[in-house]
Protein backbone atom coordinates (compact mmCIF):
# COMPACT_ATOMS: atom_id res chain seq x y z
CA MET A 1 0.00 0.00 0.00
CA ALA A 2 1.06 3.57 -0.66
CA PHE A 3 0.54 6.25 1.97
CA THR A 4 -1.48 9.33 1.10
CA ASN A 5 0.07 12.75 1.59
CA GLU A 6 -2.09 13.18 4.69
CA GLN A 7 -0.86 9.88 6.12
CA LEU A 8 2.76 10.76 5.37
CA GLU A 9 2.28 13.95 7.37
CA ARG A 10 0.39 12.19 10.18
CA TYR A 11 3.09 9.56 10.67
CA SER A 12 6.07 11.71 9.72
CA ARG A 13 7.66 11.53 13.18
CA HIS A 14 7.58 7.74 12.94
CA ILE A 15 8.80 7.54 9.38
CA ILE A 16 11.94 9.58 10.06
CA LEU A 17 12.98 7.10 12.76
CA LYS A 18 15.42 4.60 11.28
CA GLU A 19 13.95 1.92 13.56
CA VAL A 20 10.50 2.46 12.04
CA GLY A 21 10.60 4.16 8.65
CA ALA A 22 7.96 3.71 5.95
CA LYS A 23 8.39 -0.07 6.15
CA GLY A 24 7.67 -0.13 9.87
CA GLN A 25 4.72 2.22 9.52
CA LYS A 26 3.29 -0.09 6.88
CA LYS A 27 3.66 -2.98 9.33
CA LEU A 28 1.74 -0.97 11.91
CA SER A 29 -1.04 -0.22 9.43
CA GLN A 30 -1.39 -3.93 8.66
CA ALA A 31 -1.20 -5.10 12.29
CA LYS A 32 -4.02 -6.22 14.57
CA VAL A 33 -3.82 -5.63 18.32
CA LEU A 34 -6.40 -6.68 20.90
CA ILE A 35 -6.73 -4.73 24.15
CA ILE A 36 -8.59 -6.58 26.89
CA GLY A 37 -9.88 -3.99 29.34
CA ALA A 38 -10.70 -0.35 28.48
CA GLY A 39 -9.76 0.93 31.93
CA GLY A 40 -6.72 2.47 33.58
CA LEU A 41 -4.23 0.50 31.49
CA GLY A 42 -6.20 -0.07 28.31
CA ALA A 43 -7.23 3.57 27.95
CA PRO A 44 -3.77 5.11 27.38
CA ALA A 45 -2.63 2.05 25.44
CA ALA A 46 -5.59 2.38 23.07
CA LEU A 47 -4.97 6.09 22.56
CA TYR A 48 -1.34 5.60 21.62
CA LEU A 49 -1.93 2.58 19.41
CA ALA A 50 -4.65 4.43 17.53
CA ALA A 51 -2.43 7.49 17.16
CA ALA A 52 0.41 5.24 15.97
CA GLY A 53 -1.72 3.97 13.11
CA VAL A 54 -2.17 0.34 14.13
CA GLY A 55 -4.58 -0.79 11.43
CA THR A 56 -7.01 -2.85 13.48
CA ILE A 57 -7.51 -2.53 17.23
CA GLY A 58 -9.95 -4.65 19.20
CA ILE A 59 -11.32 -3.49 22.56
CA VAL A 60 -12.88 -5.95 25.02
CA ASP A 61 -14.77 -4.67 28.08
CA ALA A 62 -18.15 -5.47 29.62
CA ASP A 63 -18.51 -2.33 31.74
CA GLU A 64 -20.05 1.09 31.33
CA VAL A 65 -18.23 4.34 32.06
CA ASP A 66 -18.57 5.37 35.72
CA LEU A 67 -17.68 8.71 37.32
CA SER A 68 -14.97 7.05 39.42
CA ASN A 69 -13.27 5.82 36.23
CA LEU A 70 -12.44 9.30 34.97
CA GLN A 71 -9.59 9.87 37.45
CA ARG A 72 -7.40 7.49 35.40
CA GLN A 73 -9.24 6.14 32.34
CA VAL A 74 -8.36 9.02 30.05
CA ILE A 75 -10.03 7.68 26.92
CA HIS A 76 -13.44 8.46 28.47
CA THR A 77 -14.94 11.88 29.28
CA THR A 78 -17.70 13.12 31.56
CA PRO A 79 -20.39 13.02 28.81
CA ASP A 80 -19.53 9.32 28.34
CA ILE A 81 -20.79 8.33 31.80
CA GLY A 82 -23.23 5.44 31.42
CA LYS A 83 -21.99 4.59 27.94
CA PRO A 84 -20.34 1.18 27.26
CA LYS A 85 -16.60 1.64 27.64
CA VAL A 86 -15.94 -0.04 24.32
CA GLN A 87 -18.20 2.46 22.55
CA SER A 88 -16.62 5.44 24.30
CA ALA A 89 -13.14 4.12 23.50
CA LYS A 90 -14.03 3.52 19.85
CA GLU A 91 -15.38 7.04 19.41
CA THR A 92 -12.27 8.63 20.93
CA MET A 93 -9.86 6.44 18.94
CA GLU A 94 -11.63 7.15 15.66
CA ALA A 95 -11.60 10.88 16.45
CA ILE A 96 -7.83 10.68 16.94
CA ASN A 97 -7.22 8.64 13.81
CA PRO A 98 -9.87 7.79 11.20
CA ASP A 99 -7.37 5.41 9.54
CA VAL A 100 -7.87 2.88 12.33
CA THR A 101 -10.51 0.14 12.36
CA VAL A 102 -11.80 -0.41 15.91
CA ASN A 103 -13.60 -3.65 16.73
CA THR A 104 -15.60 -3.64 19.95
CA TYR A 105 -16.54 -6.59 22.17
CA HIS A 106 -18.95 -5.58 24.93
CA THR A 107 -18.46 -8.73 26.97
CA PHE A 108 -16.53 -10.33 29.80
CA VAL A 109 -13.57 -12.50 28.87
CA THR A 110 -14.31 -16.11 29.79
CA SER A 111 -12.89 -19.55 29.15
CA GLU A 112 -15.59 -20.00 26.53
CA ASN A 113 -14.86 -16.92 24.41
CA VAL A 114 -11.22 -15.94 24.98
CA LEU A 115 -9.71 -18.13 22.26
CA ASP A 116 -12.21 -16.83 19.75
CA LEU A 117 -11.49 -13.23 20.81
CA ILE A 118 -7.73 -13.48 20.41
CA LYS A 119 -7.51 -15.70 17.34
CA ASP A 120 -7.39 -12.97 14.67
CA TYR A 121 -4.95 -10.65 16.47
CA ASP A 122 -1.16 -10.40 16.26
CA PHE A 123 -0.52 -9.08 19.78
CA ILE A 124 -2.62 -8.98 22.95
CA LEU A 125 -2.58 -6.36 25.71
CA ASP A 126 -3.84 -7.51 29.10
CA GLY A 127 -5.31 -4.44 30.77
CA THR A 128 -7.68 -6.34 33.05
CA ASP A 129 -8.16 -5.69 36.74
CA ASN A 130 -8.40 -9.14 38.29
CA PHE A 131 -6.31 -12.26 38.72
CA PRO A 132 -8.73 -14.74 37.11
CA ALA A 133 -8.73 -12.77 33.86
CA LYS A 134 -4.95 -12.45 33.89
CA PHE A 135 -4.35 -16.17 34.33
CA LEU A 136 -7.03 -16.92 31.74
CA ILE A 137 -5.49 -14.54 29.19
CA ASN A 138 -2.03 -15.95 29.84
CA ASP A 139 -3.13 -19.55 29.45
CA ALA A 140 -5.13 -18.79 26.31
CA CYS A 141 -2.25 -16.88 24.70
CA VAL A 142 0.19 -19.68 25.52
CA MET A 143 -2.16 -22.29 24.06
CA ALA A 144 -2.85 -20.19 20.96
CA LYS A 145 0.81 -19.14 20.63
CA LYS A 146 -0.02 -15.45 20.84
CA PRO A 147 2.41 -12.82 22.22
CA PHE A 148 1.02 -10.54 24.88
CA SER A 149 1.87 -7.79 27.37
CA HIS A 150 0.86 -8.18 31.02
CA ALA A 151 0.65 -5.16 33.29
CA GLY A 152 -0.73 -4.25 36.70
CA ILE A 153 -0.98 -1.19 38.92
CA ILE A 154 -2.04 -0.43 42.46
CA ARG A 155 -1.45 2.55 44.76
CA PHE A 156 1.80 4.14 43.45
CA LYS A 157 3.29 0.97 41.94
CA GLY A 158 3.17 -0.73 38.57
CA GLN A 159 4.64 -3.72 36.79
CA LEU A 160 4.73 -5.23 33.31
CA MET A 161 6.23 -8.10 31.34
CA THR A 162 5.94 -9.41 27.80
CA TYR A 163 5.45 -12.98 26.68
CA VAL A 164 6.51 -14.17 23.23
CA PRO A 165 6.05 -17.90 22.49
CA GLY A 166 9.32 -19.76 22.78
CA GLN A 167 11.29 -16.71 23.98
CA GLY A 168 10.81 -16.63 27.74
CA PRO A 169 8.57 -17.32 30.72
CA CYS A 170 4.83 -16.70 30.76
CA TYR A 171 2.81 -15.03 33.51
CA ARG A 172 2.10 -18.37 35.16
CA CYS A 173 5.83 -19.20 35.22
CA VAL A 174 6.26 -16.20 37.51
CA PHE A 175 3.07 -16.11 39.58
CA LYS A 176 2.04 -19.81 39.48
CA ASN A 177 -1.61 -19.61 40.58
CA PRO A 178 -4.21 -16.98 41.48
CA PRO A 179 -4.14 -15.96 45.16
CA PRO A 180 -6.98 -17.05 47.44
CA LYS A 181 -10.11 -14.97 47.07
CA ASP A 182 -9.92 -11.68 49.03
CA ALA A 183 -6.25 -12.27 49.90
CA VAL A 184 -5.22 -9.19 47.90
CA PRO A 185 -6.98 -5.81 48.22
CA THR A 186 -8.71 -4.44 45.16
CA CYS A 187 -7.74 -1.04 43.76
CA LYS A 188 -11.15 0.17 44.97
CA GLN A 189 -10.02 -0.74 48.48
CA ALA A 190 -6.35 0.20 48.20
CA GLY A 191 -6.53 3.09 45.72
CA VAL A 192 -4.43 3.83 42.65
CA ILE A 193 -2.84 7.07 41.51
CA GLY A 194 -4.38 8.00 38.18
CA ALA A 195 -1.19 8.80 36.29
CA MET A 196 0.17 5.30 36.98
CA GLY A 197 -2.23 3.97 34.37
CA GLY A 198 -0.69 6.35 31.85
CA VAL A 199 2.86 5.34 32.72
CA ILE A 200 2.35 1.59 32.56
CA GLY A 201 -0.37 1.48 29.89
CA SER A 202 1.81 3.57 27.57
CA LEU A 203 4.65 1.09 28.06
CA GLN A 204 2.29 -1.70 27.03
CA ALA A 205 1.57 0.21 23.83
CA MET A 206 5.32 0.64 23.34
CA GLU A 207 5.86 -3.12 23.65
CA ALA A 208 3.17 -3.75 21.03
CA VAL A 209 4.68 -1.22 18.63
CA LYS A 210 8.21 -2.62 19.07
CA TYR A 211 6.95 -6.15 18.50
CA ILE A 212 5.14 -5.13 15.31
CA VAL A 213 7.99 -3.15 13.75
CA GLY A 214 10.72 -5.46 15.07
CA ALA A 215 12.69 -2.76 16.88
CA GLY A 216 14.58 -2.88 20.16
CA ASP A 217 14.37 -5.33 23.03
CA LEU A 218 11.06 -6.52 24.43
CA LEU A 219 10.44 -7.32 28.09
CA THR A 220 10.62 -11.03 27.38
CA GLY A 221 12.33 -12.76 30.29
CA TYR A 222 12.03 -9.68 32.50
CA LEU A 223 9.58 -8.09 34.95
CA LEU A 224 9.77 -4.29 34.98
CA THR A 225 8.52 -2.63 38.17
CA PHE A 226 8.01 1.05 38.99
CA ASP A 227 7.61 2.78 42.36
CA ALA A 228 6.35 6.30 41.69
CA LEU A 229 6.84 7.55 45.25
CA LYS A 230 10.53 6.67 45.13
CA MET A 231 10.85 7.22 41.37
CA GLU A 232 12.60 3.87 41.11
CA TRP A 233 12.54 1.40 38.23
CA HIS A 234 13.71 -2.19 38.59
CA LYS A 235 14.17 -4.58 35.68
CA VAL A 236 14.16 -8.04 37.20
CA LYS A 237 15.53 -10.94 35.18
CA LEU A 238 13.17 -13.90 35.40
CA PRO A 239 14.32 -17.53 35.67
CA PRO A 240 14.86 -18.72 32.09
CA ASP A 241 13.84 -22.34 32.72
CA THR A 242 10.19 -22.74 31.70
CA SER A 243 10.26 -26.52 31.38
CA LYS A 244 8.25 -27.16 34.55
CA CYS A 245 5.55 -24.53 33.97
CA ALA A 246 2.05 -25.94 34.21
CA VAL A 247 0.97 -24.33 30.95
CA CYS A 248 4.03 -23.50 28.81
CA GLY A 249 6.38 -26.20 30.09
CA GLU A 250 7.55 -29.40 28.45
CA HIS A 251 4.80 -31.46 30.06
CA PRO A 252 1.88 -29.08 30.71
CA THR A 253 -0.69 -30.11 33.27
CA ILE A 254 -3.05 -27.26 32.34
CA THR A 255 -4.56 -28.18 29.00
CA GLU A 256 -8.02 -26.62 29.40
CA LEU A 257 -9.00 -23.06 30.23
CA VAL A 258 -10.46 -22.36 33.67
CA ASP A 259 -12.56 -19.51 35.07
CA TYR A 260 -11.24 -18.76 38.56
CA GLU A 261 -13.24 -16.87 41.19
CA GLN A 262 -11.83 -13.62 42.55
CA ALA A 263 -12.88 -10.12 43.49
CA GLU A 264 -12.41 -7.43 40.84
CA CYS A 265 -9.53 -4.98 40.61
CA ASP A 266 -6.58 -6.69 42.23
CA MET A 267 -3.00 -5.59 41.50
CA LYS A 268 -3.98 -4.94 37.95
CA LYS A 269 -5.83 -1.77 37.11
């Protein structure tokens, strides 16, 4: 495909980067990224992926916009209160960049629909707010051989990692199993600083862009953590041996997807 003059101007700051160029921008325009969760993490990620010209972006979320969301979920505005988050997100993304096709899925992610949701996408962003969804997304992506970015935020802290099939540990390699129900406070109980969603969600978008254009080093094999109060980043190298993992190991014991029970909004939104 050839870019129009308007597109060349829109993406000019990308195209002049040697790591991206016209070839990389074309890859972005042909890519498909699915964002699961249009909240604190998914909102900034969706804005930047739309602005970057990712050709097809899917948004999965079952909720409607609530007043308490607006402190951090910057893709939604006050007039959007009561509107499905996927609709609000789609309208904002299309206003930023009419080049982008936005597919909306106004539904919860479950063991019955997750494989169907992710099947047509090149990269998955996990912006969910609960442990069951995170383990489900991880297991589904491992089984379907889909790369994805995990992230989570609570209070003034955030974390993220990237999984690429065959290139490092998955989420379950690191965290094993969901914690017991109510063992971890929700962000509604513990609070979360709004800008943390922007910091970590934007990094998820960055990982997706780098994966698509093939530039730089992804967070495969690493967990990146951020403490905003101390302004400290830590890049933790994860154990490289994945052979004993229950889902991505040599002899997986998890071969079917499971819906775990857990309160909403754990370490992850």
